[in-house]
């Protein structure tokens, strides 16, 4: 047993399994390297990407605008500076992180990056009331997912004396946004066949992504230490002020919930990482309060 796994000899690669050494086949070697972070999805050039067919200059312009970066260089130079472009000889190649941010065909090139949002009737995964699949670039997906959640939650209006009323959602939207961004930034993109999900039930909202805690992050250090499964993706989101890249997201979620007198969410770790927000019961008293405030504004 040691740290430099897997071990190689003339017969192949081996892992220590209890008292035995088990020879690894090709699929096990690939899976091992992925889980250990030796091979990162975001760094791999996407073999199916074609600049003529798939690159979106408009998405780059939108990204630069959000990030506050002036576009005074050629697109290829900017993409290279952002860490999403390299060259095979003289041929420019986009890596998978670039596909997720600057492609019009994410659903074809990286289908697993889709965010699936669903509203269920009641508290079980039985009857779907509404469902949307968002498969554009990462930033657009986050915005669309947030809009879906807004339309699915109850909202109360507070009179402020200004022309617009203050909207108070049963769960603070900033906390939801942190959870959605966390799911997108830290999911395991090697896990195909499953999406990042936002599921709305009568009593809770579950936001989940494939991949448990990244290697190097323990239950004890969760919320205290920053370990990035996808450094390029995280850095690009940081440029847009979506993340702080300092491991503060989980504590920010807890703080926002506490400030709004909302129960602290549950964090579930297994093959998926899931954040569960408990919803407030929408009862007649709350509805009456909302109606009273609306009537006051009208009068």
C-alpha atoms as a PDB file:
ATOM      1  CA  UNK A   1       0.000   0.000   0.000  1.00  0.00           C
ATOM      2  CA  UNK A   2       1.332   3.447  -0.904  1.00  0.00           C
ATOM      3  CA  UNK A   3       0.537   6.819  -2.463  1.00  0.00           C
ATOM      4  CA  UNK A   4       1.775   6.280  -6.034  1.00  0.00           C
ATOM      5  CA  UNK A   5      -1.165   4.258  -7.327  1.00  0.00           C
ATOM      6  CA  UNK A   6      -1.599   2.405  -9.609  1.00  0.00           C
ATOM      7  CA  UNK A   7       1.602   0.325  -9.613  1.00  0.00           C
ATOM      8  CA  UNK A   8       3.145  -0.988 -12.800  1.00  0.00           C
ATOM      9  CA  UNK A   9       5.271  -4.019 -13.503  1.00  0.00           C
ATOM     10  CA  UNK A  10       5.992  -6.022 -16.635  1.00  0.00           C
ATOM     11  CA  UNK A  11       2.585  -7.698 -16.347  1.00  0.00           C
ATOM     12  CA  UNK A  12       0.602  -4.449 -16.272  1.00  0.00           C
ATOM     13  CA  UNK A  13      -0.954  -2.096 -13.698  1.00  0.00           C
ATOM     14  CA  UNK A  14      -2.073  -3.290 -10.265  1.00  0.00           C
ATOM     15  CA  UNK A  15      -4.026  -2.008  -7.273  1.00  0.00           C
ATOM     16  CA  UNK A  16      -3.704  -3.320  -3.737  1.00  0.00           C
ATOM     17  CA  UNK A  17      -7.084  -4.713  -2.638  1.00  0.00           C
ATOM     18  CA  UNK A  18      -6.777  -5.802   0.991  1.00  0.00           C
ATOM     19  CA  UNK A  19      -4.233  -8.616   1.097  1.00  0.00           C
ATOM     20  CA  UNK A  20      -4.237  -9.071  -2.677  1.00  0.00           C
ATOM     21  CA  UNK A  21      -2.947  -7.199  -5.711  1.00  0.00           C
ATOM     22  CA  UNK A  22      -5.526  -6.926  -8.459  1.00  0.00           C
ATOM     23  CA  UNK A  23      -4.554  -6.417 -12.075  1.00  0.00           C
ATOM     24  CA  UNK A  24      -6.453  -3.556 -13.737  1.00  0.00           C
ATOM     25  CA  UNK A  25      -8.016  -3.758 -17.177  1.00  0.00           C
ATOM     26  CA  UNK A  26      -8.176  -0.813 -19.581  1.00  0.00           C
ATOM     27  CA  UNK A  27     -11.521   0.509 -18.328  1.00  0.00           C
ATOM     28  CA  UNK A  28     -10.386   0.316 -14.695  1.00  0.00           C
ATOM     29  CA  UNK A  29      -7.188   2.211 -15.494  1.00  0.00           C
ATOM     30  CA  UNK A  30      -9.135   4.982 -17.245  1.00  0.00           C
ATOM     31  CA  UNK A  31     -11.674   5.191 -14.407  1.00  0.00           C
ATOM     32  CA  UNK A  32      -8.891   5.284 -11.830  1.00  0.00           C
ATOM     33  CA  UNK A  33      -7.034   8.116 -13.574  1.00  0.00           C
ATOM     34  CA  UNK A  34     -10.250  10.111 -13.861  1.00  0.00           C
ATOM     35  CA  UNK A  35     -11.178   9.674 -10.193  1.00  0.00           C
ATOM     36  CA  UNK A  36      -7.659  10.547  -9.087  1.00  0.00           C
ATOM     37  CA  UNK A  37      -7.802  13.754 -11.131  1.00  0.00           C
ATOM     38  CA  UNK A  38      -4.830  12.675 -13.250  1.00  0.00           C
ATOM     39  CA  UNK A  39      -6.966  13.199 -16.355  1.00  0.00           C
ATOM     40  CA  UNK A  40      -9.410  16.112 -16.411  1.00  0.00           C
ATOM     41  CA  UNK A  41     -12.392  16.328 -18.739  1.00  0.00           C
ATOM     42  CA  UNK A  42     -12.112  20.085 -19.108  1.00  0.00           C
ATOM     43  CA  UNK A  43      -8.500  19.884 -20.370  1.00  0.00           C
ATOM     44  CA  UNK A  44      -9.169  17.350 -23.114  1.00  0.00           C
ATOM     45  CA  UNK A  45      -9.502  18.636 -26.668  1.00  0.00           C
ATOM     46  CA  UNK A  46     -12.968  17.903 -28.001  1.00  0.00           C
ATOM     47  CA  UNK A  47     -12.391  15.749 -31.079  1.00  0.00           C
ATOM     48  CA  UNK A  48     -15.806  16.587 -32.527  1.00  0.00           C
ATOM     49  CA  UNK A  49     -15.431  20.355 -32.249  1.00  0.00           C
ATOM     50  CA  UNK A  50     -15.307  22.215 -35.569  1.00  0.00           C
ATOM     51  CA  UNK A  51     -14.648  25.963 -35.469  1.00  0.00           C
ATOM     52  CA  UNK A  52     -16.771  26.595 -38.550  1.00  0.00           C
ATOM     53  CA  UNK A  53     -19.760  24.693 -37.194  1.00  0.00           C
ATOM     54  CA  UNK A  54     -19.572  25.015 -33.425  1.00  0.00           C
ATOM     55  CA  UNK A  55     -17.717  28.133 -32.283  1.00  0.00           C
ATOM     56  CA  UNK A  56     -19.813  31.128 -31.200  1.00  0.00           C
ATOM     57  CA  UNK A  57     -18.105  34.517 -31.289  1.00  0.00           C
ATOM     58  CA  UNK A  58     -21.274  36.018 -29.804  1.00  0.00           C
ATOM     59  CA  UNK A  59     -20.890  33.881 -26.683  1.00  0.00           C
ATOM     60  CA  UNK A  60     -17.290  35.049 -26.309  1.00  0.00           C
ATOM     61  CA  UNK A  61     -18.401  38.685 -26.599  1.00  0.00           C
ATOM     62  CA  UNK A  62     -21.114  38.074 -24.000  1.00  0.00           C
ATOM     63  CA  UNK A  63     -18.601  36.440 -21.659  1.00  0.00           C
ATOM     64  CA  UNK A  64     -16.111  39.307 -22.023  1.00  0.00           C
ATOM     65  CA  UNK A  65     -18.862  41.836 -21.308  1.00  0.00           C
ATOM     66  CA  UNK A  66     -19.891  40.064 -18.095  1.00  0.00           C
ATOM     67  CA  UNK A  67     -16.242  39.668 -17.069  1.00  0.00           C
ATOM     68  CA  UNK A  68     -15.472  43.343 -17.789  1.00  0.00           C
ATOM     69  CA  UNK A  69     -12.770  42.474 -20.341  1.00  0.00           C
ATOM     70  CA  UNK A  70     -12.217  44.738 -23.335  1.00  0.00           C
ATOM     71  CA  UNK A  71     -12.073  42.866 -26.632  1.00  0.00           C
ATOM     72  CA  UNK A  72      -8.961  44.273 -28.265  1.00  0.00           C
ATOM     73  CA  UNK A  73      -7.366  41.009 -29.427  1.00  0.00           C
ATOM     74  CA  UNK A  74      -8.187  38.321 -31.972  1.00  0.00           C
ATOM     75  CA  UNK A  75     -10.628  35.646 -30.760  1.00  0.00           C
ATOM     76  CA  UNK A  76      -8.036  32.865 -30.910  1.00  0.00           C
ATOM     77  CA  UNK A  77      -5.583  34.820 -28.765  1.00  0.00           C
ATOM     78  CA  UNK A  78      -8.298  35.586 -26.190  1.00  0.00           C
ATOM     79  CA  UNK A  79      -9.402  31.945 -26.086  1.00  0.00           C
ATOM     80  CA  UNK A  80      -5.798  30.840 -25.614  1.00  0.00           C
ATOM     81  CA  UNK A  81      -5.338  33.369 -22.797  1.00  0.00           C
ATOM     82  CA  UNK A  82      -8.502  32.044 -21.137  1.00  0.00           C
ATOM     83  CA  UNK A  83      -7.022  28.541 -21.135  1.00  0.00           C
ATOM     84  CA  UNK A  84      -9.516  26.929 -23.507  1.00  0.00           C
ATOM     85  CA  UNK A  85      -7.543  26.789 -26.758  1.00  0.00           C
ATOM     86  CA  UNK A  86      -4.358  25.056 -27.870  1.00  0.00           C
ATOM     87  CA  UNK A  87      -2.791  23.962 -31.130  1.00  0.00           C
ATOM     88  CA  UNK A  88      -2.088  20.664 -32.854  1.00  0.00           C
ATOM     89  CA  UNK A  89       0.629  21.897 -35.164  1.00  0.00           C
ATOM     90  CA  UNK A  90      -0.985  24.975 -36.702  1.00  0.00           C
ATOM     91  CA  UNK A  91      -4.560  23.780 -36.176  1.00  0.00           C
ATOM     92  CA  UNK A  92      -6.428  25.459 -33.284  1.00  0.00           C
ATOM     93  CA  UNK A  93      -8.175  23.068 -30.911  1.00  0.00           C
ATOM     94  CA  UNK A  94     -10.817  23.877 -28.289  1.00  0.00           C
ATOM     95  CA  UNK A  95     -10.843  21.921 -25.045  1.00  0.00           C
ATOM     96  CA  UNK A  96     -14.036  20.808 -23.321  1.00  0.00           C
ATOM     97  CA  UNK A  97     -14.066  23.824 -20.991  1.00  0.00           C
ATOM     98  CA  UNK A  98     -14.175  26.017 -24.107  1.00  0.00           C
ATOM     99  CA  UNK A  99     -17.031  23.943 -25.492  1.00  0.00           C
ATOM    100  CA  UNK A 100     -19.072  24.509 -22.333  1.00  0.00           C
ATOM    101  CA  UNK A 101     -18.645  28.297 -22.537  1.00  0.00           C
ATOM    102  CA  UNK A 102     -18.262  29.200 -26.214  1.00  0.00           C
ATOM    103  CA  UNK A 103     -20.164  26.662 -28.303  1.00  0.00           C
ATOM    104  CA  UNK A 104     -23.609  26.756 -29.867  1.00  0.00           C
ATOM    105  CA  UNK A 105     -23.786  22.949 -29.873  1.00  0.00           C
ATOM    106  CA  UNK A 106     -23.262  21.888 -26.278  1.00  0.00           C
ATOM    107  CA  UNK A 107     -26.091  19.372 -26.556  1.00  0.00           C
ATOM    108  CA  UNK A 108     -24.120  17.593 -29.303  1.00  0.00           C
ATOM    109  CA  UNK A 109     -20.565  18.023 -28.013  1.00  0.00           C
ATOM    110  CA  UNK A 110     -21.101  17.617 -24.244  1.00  0.00           C
ATOM    111  CA  UNK A 111     -24.671  16.463 -23.642  1.00  0.00           C
ATOM    112  CA  UNK A 112     -23.940  15.630 -20.011  1.00  0.00           C
ATOM    113  CA  UNK A 113     -23.526  19.358 -19.253  1.00  0.00           C
ATOM    114  CA  UNK A 114     -27.294  19.830 -19.632  1.00  0.00           C
ATOM    115  CA  UNK A 115     -29.170  21.162 -16.593  1.00  0.00           C
ATOM    116  CA  UNK A 116     -32.483  19.356 -16.174  1.00  0.00           C
ATOM    117  CA  UNK A 117     -35.130  21.168 -14.119  1.00  0.00           C
ATOM    118  CA  UNK A 118     -38.363  19.541 -13.026  1.00  0.00           C
ATOM    119  CA  UNK A 119     -41.354  20.272 -10.810  1.00  0.00           C
ATOM    120  CA  UNK A 120     -43.002  17.225  -9.221  1.00  0.00           C
ATOM    121  CA  UNK A 121     -46.493  16.897  -7.850  1.00  0.00           C
ATOM    122  CA  UNK A 122     -46.333  16.222  -4.119  1.00  0.00           C
ATOM    123  CA  UNK A 123     -43.177  15.000  -2.418  1.00  0.00           C
ATOM    124  CA  UNK A 124     -42.218  11.958  -4.527  1.00  0.00           C
ATOM    125  CA  UNK A 125     -40.600  11.473  -7.940  1.00  0.00           C
ATOM    126  CA  UNK A 126     -43.753  10.191  -9.593  1.00  0.00           C
ATOM    127  CA  UNK A 127     -45.755  12.809 -11.449  1.00  0.00           C
ATOM    128  CA  UNK A 128     -43.840  15.535 -13.322  1.00  0.00           C
ATOM    129  CA  UNK A 129     -45.770  18.791 -13.581  1.00  0.00           C
ATOM    130  CA  UNK A 130     -43.179  20.754 -15.547  1.00  0.00           C
ATOM    131  CA  UNK A 131     -39.757  19.958 -17.022  1.00  0.00           C
ATOM    132  CA  UNK A 132     -37.125  21.886 -18.944  1.00  0.00           C
ATOM    133  CA  UNK A 133     -33.708  20.808 -20.255  1.00  0.00           C
ATOM    134  CA  UNK A 134     -31.183  23.620 -20.680  1.00  0.00           C
ATOM    135  CA  UNK A 135     -28.250  22.771 -22.954  1.00  0.00           C
ATOM    136  CA  UNK A 136     -26.700  26.046 -24.062  1.00  0.00           C
ATOM    137  CA  UNK A 137     -23.474  27.522 -22.682  1.00  0.00           C
ATOM    138  CA  UNK A 138     -22.820  27.330 -18.928  1.00  0.00           C
ATOM    139  CA  UNK A 139     -23.689  30.959 -18.197  1.00  0.00           C
ATOM    140  CA  UNK A 140     -26.964  30.842 -20.144  1.00  0.00           C
ATOM    141  CA  UNK A 141     -27.855  27.528 -18.488  1.00  0.00           C
ATOM    142  CA  UNK A 142     -27.385  29.038 -15.023  1.00  0.00           C
ATOM    143  CA  UNK A 143     -29.612  31.994 -15.918  1.00  0.00           C
ATOM    144  CA  UNK A 144     -32.330  29.790 -17.397  1.00  0.00           C
ATOM    145  CA  UNK A 145     -32.243  27.426 -14.428  1.00  0.00           C
ATOM    146  CA  UNK A 146     -32.612  30.337 -12.003  1.00  0.00           C
ATOM    147  CA  UNK A 147     -35.608  31.644 -13.938  1.00  0.00           C
ATOM    148  CA  UNK A 148     -37.201  28.184 -13.793  1.00  0.00           C
ATOM    149  CA  UNK A 149     -36.771  28.046 -10.008  1.00  0.00           C
ATOM    150  CA  UNK A 150     -38.187  31.555  -9.583  1.00  0.00           C
ATOM    151  CA  UNK A 151     -41.338  30.563 -11.428  1.00  0.00           C
ATOM    152  CA  UNK A 152     -41.686  27.474  -9.237  1.00  0.00           C
ATOM    153  CA  UNK A 153     -41.373  29.087  -5.797  1.00  0.00           C
ATOM    154  CA  UNK A 154     -43.842  31.088  -3.761  1.00  0.00           C
ATOM    155  CA  UNK A 155     -43.077  34.771  -3.431  1.00  0.00           C
ATOM    156  CA  UNK A 156     -44.227  37.402  -0.959  1.00  0.00           C
ATOM    157  CA  UNK A 157     -44.219  41.141  -1.676  1.00  0.00           C
ATOM    158  CA  UNK A 158     -43.000  43.708   0.798  1.00  0.00           C
ATOM    159  CA  UNK A 159     -43.939  47.370   0.498  1.00  0.00           C
ATOM    160  CA  UNK A 160     -40.819  49.550   0.338  1.00  0.00           C
ATOM    161  CA  UNK A 161     -42.270  52.976  -0.447  1.00  0.00           C
ATOM    162  CA  UNK A 162     -40.629  52.799  -3.861  1.00  0.00           C
ATOM    163  CA  UNK A 163     -42.263  52.182  -7.222  1.00  0.00           C
ATOM    164  CA  UNK A 164     -41.311  48.497  -7.111  1.00  0.00           C
ATOM    165  CA  UNK A 165     -42.208  46.048  -4.382  1.00  0.00           C
ATOM    166  CA  UNK A 166     -39.530  43.887  -2.801  1.00  0.00           C
ATOM    167  CA  UNK A 167     -39.897  40.240  -3.740  1.00  0.00           C
ATOM    168  CA  UNK A 168     -39.257  37.798  -0.891  1.00  0.00           C
ATOM    169  CA  UNK A 169     -39.001  34.183  -1.996  1.00  0.00           C
ATOM    170  CA  UNK A 170     -39.567  31.301   0.397  1.00  0.00           C
ATOM    171  CA  UNK A 171     -35.911  30.331  -0.155  1.00  0.00           C
ATOM    172  CA  UNK A 172     -33.405  33.163  -0.785  1.00  0.00           C
ATOM    173  CA  UNK A 173     -32.598  33.199  -4.490  1.00  0.00           C
ATOM    174  CA  UNK A 174     -28.960  34.086  -3.822  1.00  0.00           C
ATOM    175  CA  UNK A 175     -28.605  30.814  -1.889  1.00  0.00           C
ATOM    176  CA  UNK A 176     -30.217  28.889  -4.758  1.00  0.00           C
ATOM    177  CA  UNK A 177     -27.869  30.603  -7.211  1.00  0.00           C
ATOM    178  CA  UNK A 178     -24.811  29.625  -5.148  1.00  0.00           C
ATOM    179  CA  UNK A 179     -26.010  26.023  -5.145  1.00  0.00           C
ATOM    180  CA  UNK A 180     -26.631  25.975  -8.912  1.00  0.00           C
ATOM    181  CA  UNK A 181     -23.235  27.504  -9.674  1.00  0.00           C
ATOM    182  CA  UNK A 182     -21.579  25.043  -7.278  1.00  0.00           C
ATOM    183  CA  UNK A 183     -23.260  22.130  -9.069  1.00  0.00           C
ATOM    184  CA  UNK A 184     -22.107  23.339 -12.486  1.00  0.00           C
ATOM    185  CA  UNK A 185     -18.576  24.195 -11.380  1.00  0.00           C
ATOM    186  CA  UNK A 186     -17.811  21.000  -9.467  1.00  0.00           C
ATOM    187  CA  UNK A 187     -19.711  18.237 -11.235  1.00  0.00           C
ATOM    188  CA  UNK A 188     -17.905  15.243 -12.709  1.00  0.00           C
ATOM    189  CA  UNK A 189     -18.173  15.822 -16.452  1.00  0.00           C
ATOM    190  CA  UNK A 190     -16.789  12.367 -17.196  1.00  0.00           C
ATOM    191  CA  UNK A 191     -20.107  11.027 -15.888  1.00  0.00           C
ATOM    192  CA  UNK A 192     -22.138  10.759 -19.077  1.00  0.00           C
ATOM    193  CA  UNK A 193     -25.781   9.781 -19.202  1.00  0.00           C
ATOM    194  CA  UNK A 194     -26.730  11.963 -16.238  1.00  0.00           C
ATOM    195  CA  UNK A 195     -27.377  15.687 -15.946  1.00  0.00           C
ATOM    196  CA  UNK A 196     -27.049  18.307 -13.276  1.00  0.00           C
ATOM    197  CA  UNK A 197     -30.571  18.392 -11.824  1.00  0.00           C
ATOM    198  CA  UNK A 198     -32.850  20.853 -10.058  1.00  0.00           C
ATOM    199  CA  UNK A 199     -35.931  19.120  -8.660  1.00  0.00           C
ATOM    200  CA  UNK A 200     -38.780  21.048  -7.056  1.00  0.00           C
ATOM    201  CA  UNK A 201     -41.134  19.209  -4.709  1.00  0.00           C
ATOM    202  CA  UNK A 202     -43.918  20.519  -2.491  1.00  0.00           C
ATOM    203  CA  UNK A 203     -41.691  20.335   0.577  1.00  0.00           C
ATOM    204  CA  UNK A 204     -38.150  20.814  -0.780  1.00  0.00           C
ATOM    205  CA  UNK A 205     -35.793  21.657  -3.624  1.00  0.00           C
ATOM    206  CA  UNK A 206     -32.952  19.288  -4.488  1.00  0.00           C
ATOM    207  CA  UNK A 207     -29.974  20.476  -6.540  1.00  0.00           C
ATOM    208  CA  UNK A 208     -27.671  17.610  -7.487  1.00  0.00           C
ATOM    209  CA  UNK A 209     -24.666  16.899  -9.658  1.00  0.00           C
ATOM    210  CA  UNK A 210     -22.691  13.741 -10.508  1.00  0.00           C
ATOM    211  CA  UNK A 211     -19.513  13.314  -8.487  1.00  0.00           C
ATOM    212  CA  UNK A 212     -19.311  13.386  -4.706  1.00  0.00           C
ATOM    213  CA  UNK A 213     -16.671  15.351  -2.858  1.00  0.00           C
ATOM    214  CA  UNK A 214     -13.624  15.924  -5.089  1.00  0.00           C
ATOM    215  CA  UNK A 215     -10.402  14.133  -4.194  1.00  0.00           C
ATOM    216  CA  UNK A 216      -8.598  15.993  -1.420  1.00  0.00           C
ATOM    217  CA  UNK A 217     -11.782  17.264   0.230  1.00  0.00           C
ATOM    218  CA  UNK A 218     -13.023  15.422   3.316  1.00  0.00           C
ATOM    219  CA  UNK A 219     -16.190  15.744   5.371  1.00  0.00           C
ATOM    220  CA  UNK A 220     -14.141  17.570   8.008  1.00  0.00           C
ATOM    221  CA  UNK A 221     -12.778  20.119   5.513  1.00  0.00           C
ATOM    222  CA  UNK A 222     -16.082  20.545   3.629  1.00  0.00           C
ATOM    223  CA  UNK A 223     -17.018  24.227   3.604  1.00  0.00           C
ATOM    224  CA  UNK A 224     -13.587  25.200   4.940  1.00  0.00           C
ATOM    225  CA  UNK A 225     -11.241  24.308   2.107  1.00  0.00           C
ATOM    226  CA  UNK A 226     -11.343  24.996  -1.641  1.00  0.00           C
ATOM    227  CA  UNK A 227     -10.689  21.936  -3.810  1.00  0.00           C
ATOM    228  CA  UNK A 228     -11.530  22.415  -7.466  1.00  0.00           C
ATOM    229  CA  UNK A 229     -12.475  19.446  -9.606  1.00  0.00           C
ATOM    230  CA  UNK A 230     -12.567  21.688 -12.694  1.00  0.00           C
ATOM    231  CA  UNK A 231     -10.031  24.544 -12.298  1.00  0.00           C
ATOM    232  CA  UNK A 232     -10.499  26.016 -15.785  1.00  0.00           C
ATOM    233  CA  UNK A 233     -14.288  26.108 -15.507  1.00  0.00           C
ATOM    234  CA  UNK A 234     -14.047  27.550 -11.994  1.00  0.00           C
ATOM    235  CA  UNK A 235     -11.590  30.237 -13.115  1.00  0.00           C
ATOM    236  CA  UNK A 236     -13.859  31.287 -15.969  1.00  0.00           C
ATOM    237  CA  UNK A 237     -16.838  31.508 -13.604  1.00  0.00           C
ATOM    238  CA  UNK A 238     -14.703  33.533 -11.214  1.00  0.00           C
ATOM    239  CA  UNK A 239     -13.942  36.036 -13.989  1.00  0.00           C
ATOM    240  CA  UNK A 240     -17.703  36.527 -14.285  1.00  0.00           C
ATOM    241  CA  UNK A 241     -18.040  36.932 -10.490  1.00  0.00           C
ATOM    242  CA  UNK A 242     -20.080  33.743 -10.250  1.00  0.00           C
ATOM    243  CA  UNK A 243     -17.671  32.189  -7.734  1.00  0.00           C
ATOM    244  CA  UNK A 244     -14.973  33.502  -5.411  1.00  0.00           C
ATOM    245  CA  UNK A 245     -12.743  30.437  -5.836  1.00  0.00           C
ATOM    246  CA  UNK A 246     -11.965  30.451  -2.096  1.00  0.00           C
ATOM    247  CA  UNK A 247     -14.270  27.702  -0.816  1.00  0.00           C
ATOM    248  CA  UNK A 248     -16.791  30.214   0.525  1.00  0.00           C
ATOM    249  CA  UNK A 249     -19.859  29.055  -1.404  1.00  0.00           C
ATOM    250  CA  UNK A 250     -21.202  26.559   1.146  1.00  0.00           C
ATOM    251  CA  UNK A 251     -20.835  28.946   4.078  1.00  0.00           C
ATOM    252  CA  UNK A 252     -22.454  31.691   2.016  1.00  0.00           C
ATOM    253  CA  UNK A 253     -25.473  29.428   1.410  1.00  0.00           C
ATOM    254  CA  UNK A 254     -25.785  28.744   5.137  1.00  0.00           C
ATOM    255  CA  UNK A 255     -25.438  32.438   5.993  1.00  0.00           C
ATOM    256  CA  UNK A 256     -28.063  33.527   3.452  1.00  0.00           C
ATOM    257  CA  UNK A 257     -30.551  30.979   4.778  1.00  0.00           C
ATOM    258  CA  UNK A 258     -29.927  32.084   8.367  1.00  0.00           C
ATOM    259  CA  UNK A 259     -30.445  35.750   7.453  1.00  0.00           C
ATOM    260  CA  UNK A 260     -33.822  34.913   5.896  1.00  0.00           C
ATOM    261  CA  UNK A 261     -34.899  32.641   8.763  1.00  0.00           C
ATOM    262  CA  UNK A 262     -34.830  29.637   6.453  1.00  0.00           C
ATOM    263  CA  UNK A 263     -33.763  26.221   7.713  1.00  0.00           C
ATOM    264  CA  UNK A 264     -30.159  25.330   6.870  1.00  0.00           C
ATOM    265  CA  UNK A 265     -30.022  22.993   3.852  1.00  0.00           C
ATOM    266  CA  UNK A 266     -28.893  19.381   4.025  1.00  0.00           C
ATOM    267  CA  UNK A 267     -25.769  18.289   2.142  1.00  0.00           C
ATOM    268  CA  UNK A 268     -25.728  14.710   0.864  1.00  0.00           C
ATOM    269  CA  UNK A 269     -22.565  13.001  -0.403  1.00  0.00           C
ATOM    270  CA  UNK A 270     -22.425   9.756  -2.352  1.00  0.00           C
ATOM    271  CA  UNK A 271     -21.843   9.246  -6.069  1.00  0.00           C
ATOM    272  CA  UNK A 272     -23.724  12.533  -6.376  1.00  0.00           C
ATOM    273  CA  UNK A 273     -23.452  15.762  -4.405  1.00  0.00           C
ATOM    274  CA  UNK A 274     -26.890  17.073  -3.463  1.00  0.00           C
ATOM    275  CA  UNK A 275     -28.054  20.203  -1.653  1.00  0.00           C
ATOM    276  CA  UNK A 276     -31.574  19.952  -0.226  1.00  0.00           C
ATOM    277  CA  UNK A 277     -33.456  23.150   0.662  1.00  0.00           C
ATOM    278  CA  UNK A 278     -36.583  22.744   2.778  1.00  0.00           C
ATOM    279  CA  UNK A 279     -39.514  24.768   1.453  1.00  0.00           C
ATOM    280  CA  UNK A 280     -41.806  26.845   3.639  1.00  0.00           C
ATOM    281  CA  UNK A 281     -45.409  25.674   3.796  1.00  0.00           C
ATOM    282  CA  UNK A 282     -47.630  27.911   1.699  1.00  0.00           C
ATOM    283  CA  UNK A 283     -50.707  28.313   3.869  1.00  0.00           C
ATOM    284  CA  UNK A 284     -53.741  30.587   3.927  1.00  0.00           C
ATOM    285  CA  UNK A 285     -52.125  32.970   6.393  1.00  0.00           C
ATOM    286  CA  UNK A 286     -49.225  33.685   4.029  1.00  0.00           C
ATOM    287  CA  UNK A 287     -51.567  34.043   1.063  1.00  0.00           C
ATOM    288  CA  UNK A 288     -53.713  36.488   3.020  1.00  0.00           C
ATOM    289  CA  UNK A 289     -50.611  38.510   3.913  1.00  0.00           C
ATOM    290  CA  UNK A 290     -49.610  38.673   0.254  1.00  0.00           C
ATOM    291  CA  UNK A 291     -53.109  39.734  -0.801  1.00  0.00           C
ATOM    292  CA  UNK A 292     -53.266  42.406   1.911  1.00  0.00           C
ATOM    293  CA  UNK A 293     -49.965  43.952   0.775  1.00  0.00           C
ATOM    294  CA  UNK A 294     -51.062  43.921  -2.871  1.00  0.00           C
ATOM    295  CA  UNK A 295     -54.360  45.549  -1.964  1.00  0.00           C
ATOM    296  CA  UNK A 296     -52.547  48.225   0.076  1.00  0.00           C
ATOM    297  CA  UNK A 297     -50.373  49.057  -2.914  1.00  0.00           C
ATOM    298  CA  UNK A 298     -53.382  49.282  -5.242  1.00  0.00           C
ATOM    299  CA  UNK A 299     -55.238  51.568  -2.824  1.00  0.00           C
END
